[in-house]
Amino acid sequence: MGVKSHPCPKCSAPSPKKLSSFGFQFGSGKVPGNTGVDSLDYSVDKAVGRDADKRWETIKDRRALKRQVQHDNGGIGKVPLAKNPLTGEYIPVPQEELPRIQELHEEYQEAYEEHKQLRVEAGVSKFREDDPYLKFKQKKQKTSSSPDNQ
């Protein structure tokens, strides 16, 4: 059995294929990827674990930066923050911007609800009229918008 190759995702040069696939099919359905070669499976497990550790470190670093900005600006939950998509830096939202942000949020919610309703009417949605969660959510919206709660 020869070594098969496939194009490298970065440079498109032919590269040897190391693993054929994950989740081999057996009679009982899918099982976790197992090539049958212990040393190869162990190497893959280590690589996946290292990748997960690296990703979690990035998440933890980002959370620490966010907490520091919150702490420097009155404490957690005191000042809303915005994230600069280019730099990833968190900044406090100026008070004069809050009404506009709330307005955009409400516009988004209205558009989302309209889109969801259109999908229901077209029959291409998982939401149904008899869905208990949908009924609960609608009931909650009605009670939150009633004059008694304002």
N, C-alpha and C. Protein backbone atom coordinates (compact mmCIF):
# COMPACT_ATOMS: atom_id res chain seq x y z
N MET A 1 0.84 -1.17 0.00
CA MET A 1 0.00 0.00 0.00
C MET A 1 0.89 1.23 0.00
N GLY A 2 0.76 2.06 -1.03
CA GLY A 2 1.60 3.25 -1.17
C GLY A 2 1.08 4.42 -0.36
N VAL A 3 1.98 5.38 -0.14
CA VAL A 3 1.60 6.58 0.59
C VAL A 3 0.86 7.51 -0.36
N LYS A 4 -0.34 7.87 0.00
CA LYS A 4 -1.12 8.77 -0.83
C LYS A 4 -0.77 10.20 -0.46
N SER A 5 -0.94 11.10 -1.41
CA SER A 5 -0.67 12.50 -1.12
C SER A 5 -1.90 13.33 -1.43
N HIS A 6 -1.89 14.54 -0.91
CA HIS A 6 -2.97 15.48 -1.16
C HIS A 6 -2.34 16.87 -1.13
N PRO A 7 -3.02 17.88 -1.71
CA PRO A 7 -2.42 19.21 -1.73
C PRO A 7 -2.36 19.84 -0.34
N CYS A 8 -1.24 20.50 -0.04
CA CYS A 8 -1.07 21.22 1.22
C CYS A 8 -2.07 22.37 1.25
N PRO A 9 -2.81 22.56 2.37
CA PRO A 9 -3.80 23.64 2.42
C PRO A 9 -3.18 25.03 2.34
N LYS A 10 -1.88 25.16 2.69
CA LYS A 10 -1.24 26.48 2.68
C LYS A 10 -0.58 26.81 1.34
N CYS A 11 0.18 25.85 0.80
CA CYS A 11 0.96 26.17 -0.41
C CYS A 11 0.54 25.36 -1.63
N SER A 12 -0.38 24.42 -1.49
CA SER A 12 -0.90 23.56 -2.56
C SER A 12 0.11 22.55 -3.10
N ALA A 13 1.27 22.44 -2.48
CA ALA A 13 2.26 21.44 -2.90
C ALA A 13 1.79 20.06 -2.44
N PRO A 14 2.12 19.00 -3.20
CA PRO A 14 1.73 17.65 -2.78
C PRO A 14 2.38 17.30 -1.43
N SER A 15 1.59 16.75 -0.51
CA SER A 15 2.09 16.36 0.81
C SER A 15 1.61 14.96 1.13
N PRO A 16 2.42 14.18 1.85
CA PRO A 16 1.96 12.84 2.23
C PRO A 16 0.81 12.93 3.22
N LYS A 17 -0.15 12.06 3.07
CA LYS A 17 -1.31 12.03 3.97
C LYS A 17 -0.94 11.19 5.18
N LYS A 18 -1.05 11.76 6.36
CA LYS A 18 -0.65 11.07 7.58
C LYS A 18 -1.77 10.19 8.14
N LEU A 19 -2.99 10.70 8.17
CA LEU A 19 -4.13 9.94 8.68
C LEU A 19 -5.19 9.89 7.60
N SER A 20 -5.90 8.80 7.54
CA SER A 20 -6.93 8.71 6.51
C SER A 20 -8.18 9.46 6.92
N SER A 21 -8.65 9.29 8.16
CA SER A 21 -9.82 10.02 8.63
C SER A 21 -10.05 9.72 10.09
N PHE A 22 -11.03 10.42 10.64
CA PHE A 22 -11.45 10.16 12.02
C PHE A 22 -12.85 9.59 11.97
N GLY A 23 -13.25 8.93 13.03
CA GLY A 23 -14.61 8.42 13.13
C GLY A 23 -14.89 7.30 12.15
N PHE A 24 -14.08 6.27 12.16
CA PHE A 24 -14.29 5.14 11.26
C PHE A 24 -15.68 4.55 11.47
N GLN A 25 -16.28 4.04 10.42
CA GLN A 25 -17.61 3.43 10.51
C GLN A 25 -17.46 1.93 10.80
N PHE A 26 -18.14 1.49 11.81
CA PHE A 26 -18.22 0.09 12.11
C PHE A 26 -19.69 -0.29 12.11
N GLY A 27 -20.00 -1.55 12.29
CA GLY A 27 -21.39 -2.01 12.26
C GLY A 27 -22.27 -1.30 13.27
N SER A 28 -21.71 -0.89 14.41
CA SER A 28 -22.52 -0.26 15.45
C SER A 28 -22.59 1.25 15.31
N GLY A 29 -22.04 1.82 14.24
CA GLY A 29 -22.08 3.27 14.05
C GLY A 29 -20.71 3.88 14.25
N LYS A 30 -20.69 5.20 14.43
CA LYS A 30 -19.41 5.90 14.58
C LYS A 30 -18.80 5.67 15.95
N VAL A 31 -17.50 5.56 15.97
CA VAL A 31 -16.75 5.46 17.21
C VAL A 31 -15.63 6.48 17.12
N PRO A 32 -15.01 6.86 18.25
CA PRO A 32 -13.91 7.81 18.18
C PRO A 32 -12.81 7.33 17.26
N GLY A 33 -12.14 8.27 16.59
CA GLY A 33 -11.08 7.92 15.65
C GLY A 33 -10.03 7.04 16.29
N ASN A 34 -9.74 5.94 15.66
CA ASN A 34 -8.75 5.01 16.15
C ASN A 34 -8.17 4.32 14.94
N THR A 35 -6.89 4.55 14.71
CA THR A 35 -6.26 3.96 13.53
C THR A 35 -5.85 2.53 13.76
N GLY A 36 -5.78 2.11 15.04
CA GLY A 36 -5.31 0.77 15.34
C GLY A 36 -3.82 0.74 15.61
N VAL A 37 -3.15 1.88 15.45
CA VAL A 37 -1.71 1.98 15.71
C VAL A 37 -1.56 2.86 16.95
N ASP A 38 -1.21 2.25 18.08
CA ASP A 38 -1.19 2.97 19.35
C ASP A 38 -0.31 4.21 19.32
N SER A 39 0.89 4.11 18.75
CA SER A 39 1.80 5.26 18.77
C SER A 39 1.23 6.42 17.95
N LEU A 40 0.57 6.11 16.84
CA LEU A 40 -0.03 7.17 16.02
C LEU A 40 -1.23 7.79 16.73
N ASP A 41 -2.08 6.96 17.34
CA ASP A 41 -3.23 7.47 18.08
C ASP A 41 -2.77 8.35 19.24
N TYR A 42 -1.72 7.93 19.93
CA TYR A 42 -1.20 8.71 21.06
C TYR A 42 -0.68 10.05 20.58
N SER A 43 0.02 10.06 19.45
CA SER A 43 0.55 11.31 18.89
C SER A 43 -0.59 12.27 18.52
N VAL A 44 -1.63 11.73 17.93
CA VAL A 44 -2.78 12.55 17.55
C VAL A 44 -3.45 13.11 18.81
N ASP A 45 -3.61 12.27 19.83
CA ASP A 45 -4.22 12.73 21.08
C ASP A 45 -3.40 13.86 21.70
N LYS A 46 -2.07 13.73 21.67
CA LYS A 46 -1.21 14.78 22.22
C LYS A 46 -1.36 16.06 21.42
N ALA A 47 -1.41 15.96 20.09
CA ALA A 47 -1.53 17.15 19.25
C ALA A 47 -2.86 17.86 19.50
N VAL A 48 -3.93 17.09 19.61
CA VAL A 48 -5.25 17.68 19.88
C VAL A 48 -5.25 18.34 21.25
N GLY A 49 -4.67 17.71 22.23
CA GLY A 49 -4.61 18.27 23.58
C GLY A 49 -3.80 19.55 23.62
N ARG A 50 -2.66 19.58 22.93
CA ARG A 50 -1.83 20.79 22.90
C ARG A 50 -2.56 21.93 22.21
N ASP A 51 -3.27 21.61 21.13
CA ASP A 51 -4.03 22.63 20.42
C ASP A 51 -5.12 23.21 21.33
N ALA A 52 -5.82 22.35 22.05
CA ALA A 52 -6.87 22.80 22.97
C ALA A 52 -6.27 23.68 24.08
N ASP A 53 -5.13 23.26 24.62
CA ASP A 53 -4.47 24.05 25.67
C ASP A 53 -4.11 25.44 25.15
N LYS A 54 -3.58 25.49 23.93
CA LYS A 54 -3.19 26.77 23.34
C LYS A 54 -4.41 27.67 23.15
N ARG A 55 -5.51 27.10 22.68
CA ARG A 55 -6.73 27.89 22.48
C ARG A 55 -7.28 28.40 23.81
N TRP A 56 -7.27 27.54 24.84
CA TRP A 56 -7.77 27.98 26.14
C TRP A 56 -6.89 29.07 26.73
N GLU A 57 -5.59 29.01 26.50
CA GLU A 57 -4.69 30.07 26.98
C GLU A 57 -5.07 31.41 26.35
N THR A 58 -5.37 31.40 25.05
CA THR A 58 -5.79 32.62 24.36
C THR A 58 -7.07 33.16 24.97
N ILE A 59 -8.02 32.28 25.25
CA ILE A 59 -9.30 32.71 25.85
C ILE A 59 -9.05 33.29 27.24
N LYS A 60 -8.22 32.62 28.04
CA LYS A 60 -7.93 33.10 29.39
C LYS A 60 -7.23 34.46 29.35
N ASP A 61 -6.29 34.63 28.43
CA ASP A 61 -5.59 35.92 28.29
C ASP A 61 -6.57 37.03 27.93
N ARG A 62 -7.49 36.74 27.00
CA ARG A 62 -8.48 37.73 26.58
C ARG A 62 -9.40 38.10 27.74
N ARG A 63 -9.81 37.11 28.52
CA ARG A 63 -10.67 37.38 29.68
C ARG A 63 -9.93 38.23 30.72
N ALA A 64 -8.64 37.95 30.92
CA ALA A 64 -7.86 38.73 31.89
C ALA A 64 -7.76 40.19 31.45
N LEU A 65 -7.54 40.43 30.16
CA LEU A 65 -7.48 41.80 29.65
C LEU A 65 -8.83 42.50 29.85
N LYS A 66 -9.90 41.79 29.58
CA LYS A 66 -11.24 42.36 29.75
C LYS A 66 -11.49 42.70 31.22
N ARG A 67 -11.14 41.80 32.12
CA ARG A 67 -11.33 42.05 33.55
C ARG A 67 -10.52 43.27 34.01
N GLN A 68 -9.31 43.42 33.45
CA GLN A 68 -8.47 44.55 33.84
C GLN A 68 -9.10 45.87 33.39
N VAL A 69 -9.63 45.91 32.17
CA VAL A 69 -10.30 47.12 31.68
C VAL A 69 -11.53 47.40 32.54
N GLN A 70 -12.29 46.37 32.89
CA GLN A 70 -13.46 46.56 33.74
C GLN A 70 -13.05 47.10 35.11
N HIS A 71 -12.00 46.53 35.68
CA HIS A 71 -11.52 46.96 36.99
C HIS A 71 -11.06 48.42 36.94
N ASP A 72 -10.37 48.81 35.89
CA ASP A 72 -9.87 50.18 35.74
C ASP A 72 -10.97 51.19 35.50
N ASN A 73 -12.18 50.73 35.15
CA ASN A 73 -13.27 51.63 34.81
C ASN A 73 -14.49 51.46 35.71
N GLY A 74 -14.28 51.17 36.97
CA GLY A 74 -15.39 51.15 37.91
C GLY A 74 -15.82 49.79 38.38
N GLY A 75 -15.29 48.74 37.83
CA GLY A 75 -15.64 47.41 38.30
C GLY A 75 -16.43 46.60 37.30
N ILE A 76 -16.47 45.30 37.52
CA ILE A 76 -17.15 44.38 36.63
C ILE A 76 -18.64 44.67 36.64
N GLY A 77 -19.21 44.81 35.45
CA GLY A 77 -20.64 45.05 35.32
C GLY A 77 -21.05 46.50 35.47
N LYS A 78 -20.11 47.39 35.77
CA LYS A 78 -20.44 48.79 35.98
C LYS A 78 -20.44 49.58 34.68
N VAL A 79 -19.54 49.22 33.77
CA VAL A 79 -19.41 49.95 32.51
C VAL A 79 -19.45 48.94 31.36
N PRO A 80 -20.33 49.13 30.37
CA PRO A 80 -20.33 48.22 29.22
C PRO A 80 -19.04 48.41 28.41
N LEU A 81 -18.56 47.30 27.87
CA LEU A 81 -17.33 47.34 27.07
C LEU A 81 -17.62 47.01 25.62
N ALA A 82 -16.76 47.51 24.76
CA ALA A 82 -16.81 47.16 23.34
C ALA A 82 -15.44 46.62 22.97
N LYS A 83 -15.43 45.70 22.01
CA LYS A 83 -14.17 45.10 21.57
C LYS A 83 -13.84 45.62 20.18
N ASN A 84 -12.65 46.16 20.03
CA ASN A 84 -12.19 46.61 18.73
C ASN A 84 -11.89 45.38 17.89
N PRO A 85 -12.61 45.17 16.77
CA PRO A 85 -12.40 43.95 15.99
C PRO A 85 -11.03 43.88 15.32
N LEU A 86 -10.37 45.01 15.15
CA LEU A 86 -9.06 45.00 14.49
C LEU A 86 -7.93 44.68 15.46
N THR A 87 -8.01 45.24 16.67
CA THR A 87 -6.92 45.03 17.63
C THR A 87 -7.26 44.03 18.72
N GLY A 88 -8.56 43.75 18.92
CA GLY A 88 -8.97 42.85 19.99
C GLY A 88 -8.98 43.53 21.34
N GLU A 89 -8.72 44.83 21.36
CA GLU A 89 -8.64 45.60 22.60
C GLU A 89 -10.05 45.96 23.09
N TYR A 90 -10.26 45.88 24.41
CA TYR A 90 -11.53 46.25 25.01
C TYR A 90 -11.47 47.71 25.44
N ILE A 91 -12.56 48.45 25.19
CA ILE A 91 -12.64 49.85 25.61
C ILE A 91 -14.01 50.08 26.24
N PRO A 92 -14.09 50.99 27.22
CA PRO A 92 -15.40 51.29 27.79
C PRO A 92 -16.26 52.03 26.77
N VAL A 93 -17.55 51.73 26.75
CA VAL A 93 -18.47 52.40 25.83
C VAL A 93 -18.84 53.75 26.44
N PRO A 94 -18.67 54.84 25.69
CA PRO A 94 -19.06 56.15 26.22
C PRO A 94 -20.57 56.19 26.49
N GLN A 95 -20.95 56.87 27.55
CA GLN A 95 -22.36 56.94 27.97
C GLN A 95 -23.26 57.46 26.85
N GLU A 96 -22.76 58.41 26.05
CA GLU A 96 -23.60 58.97 24.99
C GLU A 96 -23.88 57.95 23.87
N GLU A 97 -23.12 56.86 23.81
CA GLU A 97 -23.33 55.83 22.79
C GLU A 97 -24.36 54.77 23.23
N LEU A 98 -24.63 54.68 24.51
CA LEU A 98 -25.51 53.63 25.02
C LEU A 98 -26.91 53.63 24.40
N PRO A 99 -27.58 54.80 24.23
CA PRO A 99 -28.91 54.76 23.61
C PRO A 99 -28.87 54.21 22.19
N ARG A 100 -27.84 54.55 21.42
CA ARG A 100 -27.72 54.05 20.05
C ARG A 100 -27.49 52.54 20.04
N ILE A 101 -26.68 52.06 20.95
CA ILE A 101 -26.43 50.62 21.04
C ILE A 101 -27.73 49.90 21.39
N GLN A 102 -28.50 50.44 22.32
CA GLN A 102 -29.77 49.83 22.70
C GLN A 102 -30.73 49.83 21.51
N GLU A 103 -30.75 50.92 20.76
CA GLU A 103 -31.61 51.02 19.58
C GLU A 103 -31.22 49.96 18.53
N LEU A 104 -29.92 49.80 18.29
CA LEU A 104 -29.46 48.79 17.34
C LEU A 104 -29.82 47.39 17.81
N HIS A 105 -29.68 47.16 19.11
CA HIS A 105 -30.03 45.85 19.66
C HIS A 105 -31.51 45.55 19.44
N GLU A 106 -32.37 46.53 19.69
CA GLU A 106 -33.81 46.34 19.50
C GLU A 106 -34.14 46.11 18.02
N GLU A 107 -33.47 46.85 17.12
CA GLU A 107 -33.69 46.64 15.68
C GLU A 107 -33.30 45.22 15.28
N TYR A 108 -32.17 44.77 15.81
CA TYR A 108 -31.71 43.42 15.51
C TYR A 108 -32.73 42.39 16.02
N GLN A 109 -33.21 42.57 17.25
CA GLN A 109 -34.17 41.64 17.81
C GLN A 109 -35.45 41.57 16.98
N GLU A 110 -35.94 42.74 16.54
CA GLU A 110 -37.14 42.78 15.71
C GLU A 110 -36.91 42.04 14.39
N ALA A 111 -35.77 42.30 13.76
CA ALA A 111 -35.46 41.64 12.49
C ALA A 111 -35.33 40.13 12.68
N TYR A 112 -34.72 39.72 13.78
CA TYR A 112 -34.56 38.29 14.06
C TYR A 112 -35.91 37.63 14.26
N GLU A 113 -36.78 38.25 15.04
CA GLU A 113 -38.11 37.69 15.28
C GLU A 113 -38.90 37.60 13.98
N GLU A 114 -38.80 38.62 13.13
CA GLU A 114 -39.50 38.61 11.84
C GLU A 114 -38.97 37.47 10.96
N HIS A 115 -37.66 37.33 10.93
CA HIS A 115 -37.03 36.26 10.14
C HIS A 115 -37.48 34.90 10.64
N LYS A 116 -37.50 34.74 11.96
CA LYS A 116 -37.91 33.47 12.55
C LYS A 116 -39.35 33.16 12.19
N GLN A 117 -40.23 34.16 12.24
CA GLN A 117 -41.63 33.96 11.90
C GLN A 117 -41.79 33.57 10.43
N LEU A 118 -41.04 34.21 9.55
CA LEU A 118 -41.09 33.87 8.12
C LEU A 118 -40.67 32.42 7.90
N ARG A 119 -39.66 31.97 8.63
CA ARG A 119 -39.22 30.57 8.50
C ARG A 119 -40.30 29.62 8.99
N VAL A 120 -40.98 29.99 10.07
CA VAL A 120 -42.06 29.15 10.59
C VAL A 120 -43.16 29.05 9.54
N GLU A 121 -43.55 30.20 8.98
CA GLU A 121 -44.62 30.21 7.97
C GLU A 121 -44.23 29.43 6.73
N ALA A 122 -42.96 29.44 6.37
CA ALA A 122 -42.49 28.72 5.19
C ALA A 122 -42.28 27.23 5.48
N GLY A 123 -42.34 26.85 6.75
CA GLY A 123 -42.17 25.44 7.11
C GLY A 123 -40.73 24.98 7.10
N VAL A 124 -39.79 25.92 7.21
CA VAL A 124 -38.37 25.54 7.20
C VAL A 124 -37.70 25.89 8.53
N SER A 125 -38.46 25.76 9.60
CA SER A 125 -37.92 26.10 10.90
C SER A 125 -38.19 24.99 11.89
N LYS A 126 -37.34 24.91 12.88
CA LYS A 126 -37.57 23.94 13.94
C LYS A 126 -38.61 24.44 14.94
N PHE A 127 -38.95 25.74 14.85
CA PHE A 127 -39.94 26.31 15.76
C PHE A 127 -41.34 25.94 15.31
N ARG A 128 -42.15 25.54 16.24
CA ARG A 128 -43.53 25.17 15.94
C ARG A 128 -44.45 25.94 16.89
N GLU A 129 -45.68 26.06 16.48
CA GLU A 129 -46.67 26.75 17.31
C GLU A 129 -46.84 26.07 18.66
N ASP A 130 -46.72 24.74 18.69
CA ASP A 130 -46.94 24.00 19.94
C ASP A 130 -45.65 23.78 20.73
N ASP A 131 -44.56 24.41 20.31
CA ASP A 131 -43.28 24.26 21.00
C ASP A 131 -43.38 24.91 22.39
N PRO A 132 -43.18 24.15 23.48
CA PRO A 132 -43.32 24.71 24.83
C PRO A 132 -42.35 25.87 25.09
N TYR A 133 -41.14 25.77 24.56
CA TYR A 133 -40.17 26.85 24.79
C TYR A 133 -40.63 28.13 24.10
N LEU A 134 -41.13 28.00 22.87
CA LEU A 134 -41.61 29.16 22.13
C LEU A 134 -42.79 29.80 22.86
N LYS A 135 -43.69 28.99 23.38
CA LYS A 135 -44.84 29.52 24.14
C LYS A 135 -44.35 30.25 25.40
N PHE A 136 -43.38 29.66 26.10
CA PHE A 136 -42.84 30.29 27.30
C PHE A 136 -42.21 31.64 26.96
N LYS A 137 -41.44 31.67 25.87
CA LYS A 137 -40.77 32.91 25.48
C LYS A 137 -41.79 33.98 25.10
N GLN A 138 -42.82 33.61 24.35
CA GLN A 138 -43.85 34.56 23.96
C GLN A 138 -44.59 35.09 25.18
N LYS A 139 -44.89 34.20 26.13
CA LYS A 139 -45.58 34.61 27.34
C LYS A 139 -44.70 35.58 28.14
N LYS A 140 -43.42 35.30 28.20
CA LYS A 140 -42.47 36.15 28.92
C LYS A 140 -42.40 37.53 28.26
N GLN A 141 -42.38 37.58 26.91
CA GLN A 141 -42.34 38.85 26.21
C GLN A 141 -43.60 39.66 26.46
N LYS A 142 -44.75 39.00 26.48
CA LYS A 142 -46.02 39.71 26.71
C LYS A 142 -46.05 40.31 28.11
N THR A 143 -45.58 39.55 29.11
CA THR A 143 -45.63 40.06 30.48
C THR A 143 -44.61 41.17 30.69
N SER A 144 -43.47 41.10 30.00
CA SER A 144 -42.45 42.15 30.18
C SER A 144 -42.86 43.44 29.48
N SER A 145 -43.74 43.37 28.49
CA SER A 145 -44.16 44.58 27.78
C SER A 145 -45.50 45.11 28.26
N SER A 146 -46.09 44.45 29.27
CA SER A 146 -47.39 44.92 29.78
C SER A 146 -47.22 46.21 30.57
N PRO A 147 -48.26 47.05 30.64
CA PRO A 147 -48.16 48.33 31.36
C PRO A 147 -47.82 48.17 32.83
N ASP A 148 -48.16 47.05 33.44
CA ASP A 148 -47.88 46.84 34.86
C ASP A 148 -46.39 46.80 35.15
N ASN A 149 -45.59 46.33 34.15
CA ASN A 149 -44.17 46.17 34.36
C ASN A 149 -43.36 47.38 33.93
N GLN A 150 -44.00 48.45 33.53
CA GLN A 150 -43.24 49.61 33.06
C GLN A 150 -43.39 50.78 33.99
